[in-house]
Amino acid sequence: MVDPDGTEEQDLVRRKGIMCAEVCDATCRVLSEQNRLDEAGIRVQVEWCRSVCLECANVFDGYPGAEEAAKMCRECAGACTDFMAMLD
């Protein structure tokens, strides 16, 4: 998405993109694999994913060319919100 040897702003965008991908991947694994997490543990994981996605979307908003990444992060955060509502 950005040059790893670029400006501090580019570095922040790059790091947020990596963080978002890693958190989403970890959350997908928790939800798809048979594990021993109880509902409270699942809620923590999904809420963590939601908050990271929103944080990343806000960073991407300020970077030209990252509109699609911001949109995808918001969609993921929305899916997390919907999933937590189903648990209620």
PDB file of N, CA and C in Angstrom:
ATOM      1  N   MET A   1       0.812  -1.179   0.000  1.00  0.00           N
ATOM      2  CA  MET A   1       0.000   0.000   0.000  1.00  0.00           C
ATOM      3  C   MET A   1       0.864   1.254   0.000  1.00  0.00           C
ATOM      4  N   VAL A   2       1.954   1.227   0.714  1.00  0.00           N
ATOM      5  CA  VAL A   2       2.853   2.380   0.755  1.00  0.00           C
ATOM      6  C   VAL A   2       4.298   1.908   0.813  1.00  0.00           C
ATOM      7  N   ASP A   3       5.188   2.810   0.501  1.00  0.00           N
ATOM      8  CA  ASP A   3       6.618   2.531   0.510  1.00  0.00           C
ATOM      9  C   ASP A   3       7.113   2.342   1.945  1.00  0.00           C
ATOM     10  N   PRO A   4       7.745   1.190   2.252  1.00  0.00           N
ATOM     11  CA  PRO A   4       8.232   0.963   3.614  1.00  0.00           C
ATOM     12  C   PRO A   4       9.324   1.953   4.030  1.00  0.00           C
ATOM     13  N   ASP A   5       9.949   2.606   3.076  1.00  0.00           N
ATOM     14  CA  ASP A   5      10.972   3.601   3.391  1.00  0.00           C
ATOM     15  C   ASP A   5      10.431   5.019   3.237  1.00  0.00           C
ATOM     16  N   GLY A   6       9.106   5.158   3.272  1.00  0.00           N
ATOM     17  CA  GLY A   6       8.466   6.454   3.058  1.00  0.00           C
ATOM     18  C   GLY A   6       8.423   7.299   4.312  1.00  0.00           C
ATOM     19  N   THR A   7       7.513   8.233   4.305  1.00  0.00           N
ATOM     20  CA  THR A   7       7.359   9.184   5.408  1.00  0.00           C
ATOM     21  C   THR A   7       6.773   8.496   6.644  1.00  0.00           C
ATOM     22  N   GLU A   8       6.751   9.231   7.749  1.00  0.00           N
ATOM     23  CA  GLU A   8       6.150   8.697   8.975  1.00  0.00           C
ATOM     24  C   GLU A   8       4.672   8.393   8.764  1.00  0.00           C
ATOM     25  N   GLU A   9       3.995   9.247   8.010  1.00  0.00           N
ATOM     26  CA  GLU A   9       2.577   9.019   7.726  1.00  0.00           C
ATOM     27  C   GLU A   9       2.391   7.727   6.932  1.00  0.00           C
ATOM     28  N   GLN A  10       3.238   7.506   5.939  1.00  0.00           N
ATOM     29  CA  GLN A  10       3.159   6.275   5.158  1.00  0.00           C
ATOM     30  C   GLN A  10       3.447   5.058   6.029  1.00  0.00           C
ATOM     31  N   ASP A  11       4.390   5.204   6.946  1.00  0.00           N
ATOM     32  CA  ASP A  11       4.711   4.103   7.854  1.00  0.00           C
ATOM     33  C   ASP A  11       3.518   3.778   8.745  1.00  0.00           C
ATOM     34  N   LEU A  12       2.832   4.802   9.237  1.00  0.00           N
ATOM     35  CA  LEU A  12       1.648   4.580  10.070  1.00  0.00           C
ATOM     36  C   LEU A  12       0.570   3.846   9.279  1.00  0.00           C
ATOM     37  N   VAL A  13       0.324   4.267   8.063  1.00  0.00           N
ATOM     38  CA  VAL A  13      -0.687   3.621   7.224  1.00  0.00           C
ATOM     39  C   VAL A  13      -0.300   2.170   6.965  1.00  0.00           C
ATOM     40  N   ARG A  14       0.956   1.934   6.670  1.00  0.00           N
ATOM     41  CA  ARG A  14       1.428   0.563   6.416  1.00  0.00           C
ATOM     42  C   ARG A  14       1.263  -0.312   7.657  1.00  0.00           C
ATOM     43  N   ARG A  15       1.669   0.214   8.821  1.00  0.00           N
ATOM     44  CA  ARG A  15       1.551  -0.558  10.067  1.00  0.00           C
ATOM     45  C   ARG A  15       0.091  -0.844  10.422  1.00  0.00           C
ATOM     46  N   LYS A  16      -0.780   0.135  10.208  1.00  0.00           N
ATOM     47  CA  LYS A  16      -2.202  -0.072  10.492  1.00  0.00           C
ATOM     48  C   LYS A  16      -2.789  -1.122   9.553  1.00  0.00           C
ATOM     49  N   GLY A  17      -2.376  -1.115   8.299  1.00  0.00           N
ATOM     50  CA  GLY A  17      -2.845  -2.124   7.363  1.00  0.00           C
ATOM     51  C   GLY A  17      -2.436  -3.529   7.780  1.00  0.00           C
ATOM     52  N   ILE A  18      -1.213  -3.663   8.217  1.00  0.00           N
ATOM     53  CA  ILE A  18      -0.724  -4.965   8.691  1.00  0.00           C
ATOM     54  C   ILE A  18      -1.471  -5.385   9.947  1.00  0.00           C
ATOM     55  N   MET A  19      -1.641  -4.443  10.895  1.00  0.00           N
ATOM     56  CA  MET A  19      -2.329  -4.753  12.144  1.00  0.00           C
ATOM     57  C   MET A  19      -3.761  -5.191  11.865  1.00  0.00           C
ATOM     58  N   CYS A  20      -4.446  -4.480  10.983  1.00  0.00           N
ATOM     59  CA  CYS A  20      -5.830  -4.817  10.665  1.00  0.00           C
ATOM     60  C   CYS A  20      -5.923  -6.227  10.085  1.00  0.00           C
ATOM     61  N   ALA A  21      -5.055  -6.535   9.155  1.00  0.00           N
ATOM     62  CA  ALA A  21      -5.064  -7.867   8.541  1.00  0.00           C
ATOM     63  C   ALA A  21      -4.800  -8.958   9.577  1.00  0.00           C
ATOM     64  N   GLU A  22      -3.858  -8.727  10.475  1.00  0.00           N
ATOM     65  CA  GLU A  22      -3.527  -9.732  11.485  1.00  0.00           C
ATOM     66  C   GLU A  22      -4.664  -9.941  12.480  1.00  0.00           C
ATOM     67  N   VAL A  23      -5.291  -8.854  12.910  1.00  0.00           N
ATOM     68  CA  VAL A  23      -6.399  -8.963  13.867  1.00  0.00           C
ATOM     69  C   VAL A  23      -7.594  -9.655  13.225  1.00  0.00           C
ATOM     70  N   CYS A  24      -7.905  -9.287  11.996  1.00  0.00           N
ATOM     71  CA  CYS A  24      -9.027  -9.933  11.297  1.00  0.00           C
ATOM     72  C   CYS A  24      -8.750 -11.423  11.090  1.00  0.00           C
ATOM     73  N   ASP A  25      -7.532 -11.756  10.728  1.00  0.00           N
ATOM     74  CA  ASP A  25      -7.166 -13.159  10.532  1.00  0.00           C
ATOM     75  C   ASP A  25      -7.302 -13.939  11.837  1.00  0.00           C
ATOM     76  N   ALA A  26      -6.797 -13.379  12.922  1.00  0.00           N
ATOM     77  CA  ALA A  26      -6.889 -14.047  14.224  1.00  0.00           C
ATOM     78  C   ALA A  26      -8.346 -14.235  14.635  1.00  0.00           C
ATOM     79  N   THR A  27      -9.170 -13.242  14.389  1.00  0.00           N
ATOM     80  CA  THR A  27     -10.583 -13.331  14.758  1.00  0.00           C
ATOM     81  C   THR A  27     -11.293 -14.390  13.917  1.00  0.00           C
ATOM     82  N   CYS A  28     -11.001 -14.432  12.634  1.00  0.00           N
ATOM     83  CA  CYS A  28     -11.585 -15.472  11.776  1.00  0.00           C
ATOM     84  C   CYS A  28     -11.213 -16.855  12.268  1.00  0.00           C
ATOM     85  N   ARG A  29      -9.983 -17.023  12.681  1.00  0.00           N
ATOM     86  CA  ARG A  29      -9.550 -18.327  13.192  1.00  0.00           C
ATOM     87  C   ARG A  29     -10.301 -18.700  14.458  1.00  0.00           C
ATOM     88  N   VAL A  30     -10.459 -17.738  15.363  1.00  0.00           N
ATOM     89  CA  VAL A  30     -11.195 -18.004  16.608  1.00  0.00           C
ATOM     90  C   VAL A  30     -12.622 -18.434  16.295  1.00  0.00           C
ATOM     91  N   LEU A  31     -13.239 -17.764  15.338  1.00  0.00           N
ATOM     92  CA  LEU A  31     -14.641 -18.049  15.030  1.00  0.00           C
ATOM     93  C   LEU A  31     -14.831 -19.313  14.199  1.00  0.00           C
ATOM     94  N   SER A  32     -13.831 -19.709  13.438  1.00  0.00           N
ATOM     95  CA  SER A  32     -14.016 -20.849  12.544  1.00  0.00           C
ATOM     96  C   SER A  32     -13.454 -22.159  13.083  1.00  0.00           C
ATOM     97  N   GLU A  33     -12.504 -22.093  13.974  1.00  0.00           N
ATOM     98  CA  GLU A  33     -11.911 -23.318  14.493  1.00  0.00           C
ATOM     99  C   GLU A  33     -12.631 -23.755  15.756  1.00  0.00           C
ATOM    100  N   GLN A  34     -12.620 -25.045  15.961  1.00  0.00           N
ATOM    101  CA  GLN A  34     -13.175 -25.535  17.211  1.00  0.00           C
ATOM    102  C   GLN A  34     -12.182 -25.190  18.309  1.00  0.00           C
ATOM    103  N   ASN A  35     -12.647 -24.370  19.219  1.00  0.00           N
ATOM    104  CA  ASN A  35     -11.773 -23.993  20.326  1.00  0.00           C
ATOM    105  C   ASN A  35     -12.580 -24.001  21.607  1.00  0.00           C
ATOM    106  N   ARG A  36     -11.935 -23.699  22.666  1.00  0.00           N
ATOM    107  CA  ARG A  36     -12.571 -23.780  23.969  1.00  0.00           C
ATOM    108  C   ARG A  36     -12.933 -22.407  24.538  1.00  0.00           C
ATOM    109  N   LEU A  37     -12.955 -21.397  23.695  1.00  0.00           N
ATOM    110  CA  LEU A  37     -13.327 -20.078  24.179  1.00  0.00           C
ATOM    111  C   LEU A  37     -14.813 -20.036  24.498  1.00  0.00           C
ATOM    112  N   ASP A  38     -15.132 -19.465  25.645  1.00  0.00           N
ATOM    113  CA  ASP A  38     -16.530 -19.280  25.984  1.00  0.00           C
ATOM    114  C   ASP A  38     -17.057 -18.017  25.311  1.00  0.00           C
ATOM    115  N   GLU A  39     -18.326 -17.731  25.506  1.00  0.00           N
ATOM    116  CA  GLU A  39     -18.922 -16.576  24.844  1.00  0.00           C
ATOM    117  C   GLU A  39     -18.223 -15.279  25.228  1.00  0.00           C
ATOM    118  N   ALA A  40     -17.826 -15.151  26.471  1.00  0.00           N
ATOM    119  CA  ALA A  40     -17.136 -13.924  26.902  1.00  0.00           C
ATOM    120  C   ALA A  40     -15.811 -13.755  26.158  1.00  0.00           C
ATOM    121  N   GLY A  41     -15.083 -14.832  25.976  1.00  0.00           N
ATOM    122  CA  GLY A  41     -13.820 -14.775  25.240  1.00  0.00           C
ATOM    123  C   GLY A  41     -14.027 -14.421  23.780  1.00  0.00           C
ATOM    124  N   ILE A  42     -15.084 -14.969  23.194  1.00  0.00           N
ATOM    125  CA  ILE A  42     -15.398 -14.645  21.805  1.00  0.00           C
ATOM    126  C   ILE A  42     -15.765 -13.173  21.682  1.00  0.00           C
ATOM    127  N   ARG A  43     -16.548 -12.676  22.620  1.00  0.00           N
ATOM    128  CA  ARG A  43     -16.927 -11.260  22.604  1.00  0.00           C
ATOM    129  C   ARG A  43     -15.698 -10.353  22.674  1.00  0.00           C
ATOM    130  N   VAL A  44     -14.749 -10.688  23.531  1.00  0.00           N
ATOM    131  CA  VAL A  44     -13.528  -9.891  23.651  1.00  0.00           C
ATOM    132  C   VAL A  44     -12.781  -9.866  22.327  1.00  0.00           C
ATOM    133  N   GLN A  45     -12.645 -11.016  21.703  1.00  0.00           N
ATOM    134  CA  GLN A  45     -11.928 -11.111  20.421  1.00  0.00           C
ATOM    135  C   GLN A  45     -12.626 -10.289  19.342  1.00  0.00           C
ATOM    136  N   VAL A  46     -13.937 -10.424  19.250  1.00  0.00           N
ATOM    137  CA  VAL A  46     -14.688  -9.732  18.200  1.00  0.00           C
ATOM    138  C   VAL A  46     -14.702  -8.228  18.463  1.00  0.00           C
ATOM    139  N   GLU A  47     -14.824  -7.826  19.714  1.00  0.00           N
ATOM    140  CA  GLU A  47     -14.785  -6.391  20.032  1.00  0.00           C
ATOM    141  C   GLU A  47     -13.411  -5.812  19.728  1.00  0.00           C
ATOM    142  N   TRP A  48     -12.358  -6.577  19.991  1.00  0.00           N
ATOM    143  CA  TRP A  48     -10.998  -6.134  19.666  1.00  0.00           C
ATOM    144  C   TRP A  48     -10.879  -5.921  18.159  1.00  0.00           C
ATOM    145  N   CYS A  49     -11.394  -6.870  17.383  1.00  0.00           N
ATOM    146  CA  CYS A  49     -11.355  -6.752  15.931  1.00  0.00           C
ATOM    147  C   CYS A  49     -12.124  -5.511  15.475  1.00  0.00           C
ATOM    148  N   ARG A  50     -13.300  -5.311  16.030  1.00  0.00           N
ATOM    149  CA  ARG A  50     -14.129  -4.158  15.655  1.00  0.00           C
ATOM    150  C   ARG A  50     -13.412  -2.847  15.934  1.00  0.00           C
ATOM    151  N   SER A  51     -12.816  -2.734  17.112  1.00  0.00           N
ATOM    152  CA  SER A  51     -12.163  -1.475  17.468  1.00  0.00           C
ATOM    153  C   SER A  51     -10.909  -1.228  16.632  1.00  0.00           C
ATOM    154  N   VAL A  52     -10.141  -2.272  16.344  1.00  0.00           N
ATOM    155  CA  VAL A  52      -8.956  -2.112  15.493  1.00  0.00           C
ATOM    156  C   VAL A  52      -9.373  -1.713  14.079  1.00  0.00           C
ATOM    157  N   CYS A  53     -10.421  -2.332  13.564  1.00  0.00           N
ATOM    158  CA  CYS A  53     -10.883  -1.988  12.211  1.00  0.00           C
ATOM    159  C   CYS A  53     -11.313  -0.527  12.124  1.00  0.00           C
ATOM    160  N   LEU A  54     -12.035  -0.038  13.124  1.00  0.00           N
ATOM    161  CA  LEU A  54     -12.457   1.363  13.115  1.00  0.00           C
ATOM    162  C   LEU A  54     -11.266   2.309  13.242  1.00  0.00           C
ATOM    163  N   GLU A  55     -10.329   1.947  14.094  1.00  0.00           N
ATOM    164  CA  GLU A  55      -9.108   2.758  14.247  1.00  0.00           C
ATOM    165  C   GLU A  55      -8.346   2.829  12.922  1.00  0.00           C
ATOM    166  N   CYS A  56      -8.214   1.707  12.258  1.00  0.00           N
ATOM    167  CA  CYS A  56      -7.496   1.668  10.988  1.00  0.00           C
ATOM    168  C   CYS A  56      -8.243   2.455   9.914  1.00  0.00           C
ATOM    169  N   ALA A  57      -9.565   2.326   9.882  1.00  0.00           N
ATOM    170  CA  ALA A  57     -10.360   3.069   8.901  1.00  0.00           C
ATOM    171  C   ALA A  57     -10.151   4.565   9.074  1.00  0.00           C
ATOM    172  N   ASN A  58     -10.093   5.023  10.309  1.00  0.00           N
ATOM    173  CA  ASN A  58      -9.870   6.448  10.567  1.00  0.00           C
ATOM    174  C   ASN A  58      -8.508   6.902  10.065  1.00  0.00           C
ATOM    175  N   VAL A  59      -7.499   6.056  10.208  1.00  0.00           N
ATOM    176  CA  VAL A  59      -6.167   6.393   9.698  1.00  0.00           C
ATOM    177  C   VAL A  59      -6.198   6.407   8.168  1.00  0.00           C
ATOM    178  N   PHE A  60      -6.836   5.411   7.567  1.00  0.00           N
ATOM    179  CA  PHE A  60      -6.889   5.329   6.112  1.00  0.00           C
ATOM    180  C   PHE A  60      -7.662   6.494   5.504  1.00  0.00           C
ATOM    181  N   ASP A  61      -8.647   7.019   6.235  1.00  0.00           N
ATOM    182  CA  ASP A  61      -9.417   8.161   5.740  1.00  0.00           C
ATOM    183  C   ASP A  61      -8.526   9.344   5.390  1.00  0.00           C
ATOM    184  N   GLY A  62      -7.470   9.522   6.129  1.00  0.00           N
ATOM    185  CA  GLY A  62      -6.599  10.663   5.905  1.00  0.00           C
ATOM    186  C   GLY A  62      -5.513  10.438   4.875  1.00  0.00           C
ATOM    187  N   TYR A  63      -5.535   9.295   4.205  1.00  0.00           N
ATOM    188  CA  TYR A  63      -4.471   8.974   3.259  1.00  0.00           C
ATOM    189  C   TYR A  63      -5.054   8.775   1.864  1.00  0.00           C
ATOM    190  N   PRO A  64      -4.661   9.618   0.915  1.00  0.00           N
ATOM    191  CA  PRO A  64      -5.173   9.477  -0.457  1.00  0.00           C
ATOM    192  C   PRO A  64      -4.838   8.102  -1.036  1.00  0.00           C
ATOM    193  N   GLY A  65      -5.822   7.501  -1.671  1.00  0.00           N
ATOM    194  CA  GLY A  65      -5.626   6.187  -2.273  1.00  0.00           C
ATOM    195  C   GLY A  65      -6.002   5.039  -1.360  1.00  0.00           C
ATOM    196  N   ALA A  66      -6.362   5.337  -0.115  1.00  0.00           N
ATOM    197  CA  ALA A  66      -6.693   4.281   0.839  1.00  0.00           C
ATOM    198  C   ALA A  66      -8.193   4.210   1.119  1.00  0.00           C
ATOM    199  N   GLU A  67      -8.975   4.799   0.246  1.00  0.00           N
ATOM    200  CA  GLU A  67     -10.426   4.828   0.459  1.00  0.00           C
ATOM    201  C   GLU A  67     -11.025   3.420   0.509  1.00  0.00           C
ATOM    202  N   GLU A  68     -10.564   2.553  -0.366  1.00  0.00           N
ATOM    203  CA  GLU A  68     -11.095   1.185  -0.398  1.00  0.00           C
ATOM    204  C   GLU A  68     -10.729   0.435   0.882  1.00  0.00           C
ATOM    205  N   ALA A  69      -9.522   0.641   1.382  1.00  0.00           N
ATOM    206  CA  ALA A  69      -9.111   0.000   2.635  1.00  0.00           C
ATOM    207  C   ALA A  69      -9.973   0.500   3.789  1.00  0.00           C
ATOM    208  N   ALA A  70     -10.250   1.788   3.836  1.00  0.00           N
ATOM    209  CA  ALA A  70     -11.105   2.349   4.893  1.00  0.00           C
ATOM    210  C   ALA A  70     -12.502   1.742   4.809  1.00  0.00           C
ATOM    211  N   LYS A  71     -13.017   1.609   3.592  1.00  0.00           N
ATOM    212  CA  LYS A  71     -14.351   1.030   3.397  1.00  0.00           C
ATOM    213  C   LYS A  71     -14.387  -0.417   3.889  1.00  0.00           C
ATOM    214  N   MET A  72     -13.377  -1.194   3.540  1.00  0.00           N
ATOM    215  CA  MET A  72     -13.328  -2.600   3.951  1.00  0.00           C
ATOM    216  C   MET A  72     -13.223  -2.725   5.470  1.00  0.00           C
ATOM    217  N   CYS A  73     -12.446  -1.856   6.086  1.00  0.00           N
ATOM    218  CA  CYS A  73     -12.322  -1.888   7.545  1.00  0.00           C
ATOM    219  C   CYS A  73     -13.656  -1.583   8.218  1.00  0.00           C
ATOM    220  N   ARG A  74     -14.373  -0.609   7.680  1.00  0.00           N
ATOM    221  CA  ARG A  74     -15.689  -0.273   8.247  1.00  0.00           C
ATOM    222  C   ARG A  74     -16.688  -1.422   8.043  1.00  0.00           C
ATOM    223  N   GLU A  75     -16.607  -2.087   6.906  1.00  0.00           N
ATOM    224  CA  GLU A  75     -17.486  -3.233   6.672  1.00  0.00           C
ATOM    225  C   GLU A  75     -17.187  -4.362   7.653  1.00  0.00           C
ATOM    226  N   CYS A  76     -15.924  -4.597   7.919  1.00  0.00           N
ATOM    227  CA  CYS A  76     -15.537  -5.630   8.883  1.00  0.00           C
ATOM    228  C   CYS A  76     -16.022  -5.246  10.279  1.00  0.00           C
ATOM    229  N   ALA A  77     -15.858  -3.990  10.653  1.00  0.00           N
ATOM    230  CA  ALA A  77     -16.329  -3.526  11.963  1.00  0.00           C
ATOM    231  C   ALA A  77     -17.843  -3.706  12.070  1.00  0.00           C
ATOM    232  N   GLY A  78     -18.554  -3.424  10.991  1.00  0.00           N
ATOM    233  CA  GLY A  78     -20.004  -3.620  10.982  1.00  0.00           C
ATOM    234  C   GLY A  78     -20.379  -5.082  11.148  1.00  0.00           C
ATOM    235  N   ALA A  79     -19.641  -5.967  10.497  1.00  0.00           N
ATOM    236  CA  ALA A  79     -19.891  -7.400  10.635  1.00  0.00           C
ATOM    237  C   ALA A  79     -19.643  -7.854  12.076  1.00  0.00           C
ATOM    238  N   CYS A  80     -18.616  -7.297  12.697  1.00  0.00           N
ATOM    239  CA  CYS A  80     -18.337  -7.628  14.106  1.00  0.00           C
ATOM    240  C   CYS A  80     -19.480  -7.161  15.004  1.00  0.00           C
ATOM    241  N   THR A  81     -19.963  -5.965  14.754  1.00  0.00           N
ATOM    242  CA  THR A  81     -21.084  -5.433  15.535  1.00  0.00           C
ATOM    243  C   THR A  81     -22.316  -6.319  15.364  1.00  0.00           C
ATOM    244  N   ASP A  82     -22.602  -6.701  14.127  1.00  0.00           N
ATOM    245  CA  ASP A  82     -23.753  -7.569  13.857  1.00  0.00           C
ATOM    246  C   ASP A  82     -23.598  -8.920  14.557  1.00  0.00           C
ATOM    247  N   PHE A  83     -22.398  -9.464  14.521  1.00  0.00           N
ATOM    248  CA  PHE A  83     -22.152 -10.767  15.159  1.00  0.00           C
ATOM    249  C   PHE A  83     -22.375 -10.672  16.662  1.00  0.00           C
ATOM    250  N   MET A  84     -21.868  -9.627  17.281  1.00  0.00           N
ATOM    251  CA  MET A  84     -22.053  -9.488  18.737  1.00  0.00           C
ATOM    252  C   MET A  84     -23.528  -9.315  19.081  1.00  0.00           C
ATOM    253  N   ALA A  85     -24.294  -8.651  18.218  1.00  0.00           N
ATOM    254  CA  ALA A  85     -25.730  -8.489  18.459  1.00  0.00           C
ATOM    255  C   ALA A  85     -26.440  -9.849  18.413  1.00  0.00           C
ATOM    256  N   MET A  86     -25.958 -10.757  17.580  1.00  0.00           N
ATOM    257  CA  MET A  86     -26.557 -12.093  17.500  1.00  0.00           C
ATOM    258  C   MET A  86     -26.310 -12.885  18.770  1.00  0.00           C
ATOM    259  N   LEU A  87     -25.252 -12.559  19.488  1.00  0.00           N
ATOM    260  CA  LEU A  87     -24.941 -13.277  20.710  1.00  0.00           C
ATOM    261  C   LEU A  87     -25.867 -12.889  21.865  1.00  0.00           C
ATOM    262  N   ASP A  88     -26.498 -11.734  21.737  1.00  0.00           N
ATOM    263  CA  ASP A  88     -27.381 -11.268  22.817  1.00  0.00           C
ATOM    264  C   ASP A  88     -28.638 -12.081  22.913  1.00  0.00           C
TER     265      ASP A  88
END
